Amino acid sequence: LDGNVTYTLTLRNTGQVGKGLAAGEVYVSMVVPAGSSLVSASTLGYQGVQSYAPGGTDVAEWLAPRISAQETLTYTITVRGSGAGAGSHAFVRWQSPTRWLQPGIGGDYVQTALIRP
């Protein structure tokens, strides 16, 4: 594949304004597809690229300190190389501002998605 490929991840807090909770410390990660290299990434909260072993997977990471009810955040990576169009995985993790006793939910929440160009 010649040229650049851009992956976009859009996060939206679907809570009701005035009633829904804000998510705090949202960590967003997008895997740089194998066989490609990062050309650019959206800058809001961008933390850089981390390399994770085994396999040496590169992951672009962001931190959003807060996402309020009905707020939308958009993250992008642009990659280039032989694996650029193969798809990427995104991982979103956040620490809950509250802990529920029922149904026993507490701690970190993780959402994953497969992203196509």
Protein backbone atom coordinates (compact mmCIF):
# COMPACT_ATOMS: atom_id res chain seq x y z
CA LEU A 1 0.00 0.00 0.00
CA ASP A 2 1.41 3.35 -1.01
CA GLY A 3 0.49 6.52 0.84
CA ASN A 4 -0.99 7.27 4.21
CA VAL A 5 -3.96 5.63 5.94
CA THR A 6 -5.89 7.43 8.69
CA TYR A 7 -7.80 5.72 11.50
CA THR A 8 -10.39 7.69 13.47
CA LEU A 9 -11.88 6.81 16.85
CA THR A 10 -14.81 8.86 18.17
CA LEU A 11 -15.78 8.60 21.83
CA ARG A 12 -19.08 9.89 23.13
CA ASN A 13 -20.40 9.94 26.66
CA THR A 14 -24.06 9.06 26.14
CA GLY A 15 -25.15 10.14 29.62
CA GLN A 16 -27.90 12.72 29.96
CA VAL A 17 -26.78 16.30 30.53
CA GLY A 18 -27.48 17.22 34.15
CA LYS A 19 -28.00 13.57 35.13
CA GLY A 20 -25.20 11.48 33.61
CA LEU A 21 -21.79 11.07 35.15
CA ALA A 22 -18.61 12.42 33.62
CA ALA A 23 -15.92 9.85 32.95
CA GLY A 24 -12.63 10.87 34.52
CA GLU A 25 -9.10 10.05 33.40
CA VAL A 26 -9.98 8.42 30.10
CA TYR A 27 -7.00 6.63 28.57
CA VAL A 28 -7.23 6.03 24.82
CA SER A 29 -4.84 3.73 22.95
CA MET A 30 -4.72 2.84 19.25
CA VAL A 31 -2.46 0.09 17.95
CA VAL A 32 -0.17 1.11 15.10
CA PRO A 33 -0.76 -1.70 12.56
CA ALA A 34 2.16 -4.12 12.18
CA GLY A 35 4.31 -3.28 9.18
CA SER A 36 3.52 0.43 9.38
CA SER A 37 4.87 3.49 11.11
CA LEU A 38 3.12 6.44 12.67
CA VAL A 39 3.09 9.59 10.53
CA SER A 40 0.92 11.75 12.80
CA ALA A 41 -1.59 11.64 15.66
CA SER A 42 -4.24 14.03 16.93
CA THR A 43 -2.68 16.27 19.55
CA LEU A 44 -5.29 16.83 22.28
CA GLY A 45 -3.95 14.88 25.27
CA TYR A 46 -1.43 12.98 23.15
CA GLN A 47 1.09 11.11 25.30
CA GLY A 48 3.23 9.57 22.55
CA VAL A 49 3.89 6.07 21.24
CA GLN A 50 4.75 3.22 23.57
CA SER A 51 6.25 -0.07 22.45
CA TYR A 52 4.85 -3.15 24.19
CA ALA A 53 6.61 -6.51 24.29
CA PRO A 54 6.26 -9.32 23.37
CA GLY A 55 5.93 -8.65 19.69
CA GLY A 56 7.06 -5.03 19.86
CA THR A 57 3.58 -3.63 19.20
CA ASP A 58 3.54 0.18 18.97
CA VAL A 59 0.58 1.90 20.57
CA ALA A 60 -0.34 5.60 20.30
CA GLU A 61 -1.74 6.86 23.62
CA TRP A 62 -3.82 9.83 24.81
CA LEU A 63 -5.18 11.00 28.16
CA ALA A 64 -8.44 12.94 28.43
CA PRO A 65 -8.86 14.17 31.99
CA ARG A 66 -12.66 14.22 31.67
CA ILE A 67 -15.50 13.52 29.23
CA SER A 68 -18.83 15.00 30.29
CA ALA A 69 -22.32 13.78 29.45
CA GLN A 70 -23.01 14.20 25.71
CA GLU A 71 -19.41 15.28 25.03
CA THR A 72 -17.65 13.81 21.99
CA LEU A 73 -13.88 13.37 21.61
CA THR A 74 -12.17 12.35 18.36
CA TYR A 75 -8.74 10.73 18.04
CA THR A 76 -6.82 9.93 14.86
CA ILE A 77 -3.63 8.25 13.80
CA THR A 78 -2.15 8.39 10.31
CA VAL A 79 0.18 5.55 9.38
CA ARG A 80 2.24 4.52 6.38
CA GLY A 81 3.78 1.23 5.31
CA SER A 82 2.95 -2.23 4.02
CA GLY A 83 0.55 -2.99 6.90
CA ALA A 84 -1.13 0.41 7.06
CA GLY A 85 -4.51 -0.74 5.73
CA ALA A 86 -4.73 -3.90 7.84
CA GLY A 87 -6.84 -2.36 10.61
CA SER A 88 -6.15 -1.17 14.11
CA HIS A 89 -7.46 -1.94 17.57
CA ALA A 90 -8.44 0.75 20.03
CA PHE A 91 -8.59 0.43 23.79
CA VAL A 92 -10.37 2.94 25.99
CA ARG A 93 -9.92 2.69 29.76
CA TRP A 94 -11.27 4.99 32.40
CA GLN A 95 -11.40 5.17 36.16
CA SER A 96 -14.94 5.56 37.45
CA PRO A 97 -15.61 8.66 39.55
CA THR A 98 -17.87 6.50 41.71
CA ARG A 99 -18.12 2.85 42.65
CA TRP A 100 -21.40 0.96 42.66
CA LEU A 101 -22.16 -1.71 45.23
CA GLN A 102 -24.83 -3.23 43.00
CA PRO A 103 -24.24 -4.91 40.58
CA GLY A 104 -20.72 -4.95 41.94
CA ILE A 105 -19.08 -2.69 39.36
CA GLY A 106 -15.97 -0.83 40.46
CA GLY A 107 -12.48 0.04 39.39
CA ASP A 108 -11.41 0.45 35.80
CA TYR A 109 -13.71 0.04 32.81
CA VAL A 110 -12.28 -1.07 29.48
CA GLN A 111 -13.89 -0.81 26.04
CA THR A 112 -12.24 -2.20 22.91
CA ALA A 113 -12.97 -1.72 19.22
CA LEU A 114 -11.63 -2.87 15.87
CA ILE A 115 -11.10 0.17 13.62
CA ARG A 116 -10.98 0.09 9.83
CA PRO A 117 -9.59 2.88 7.62
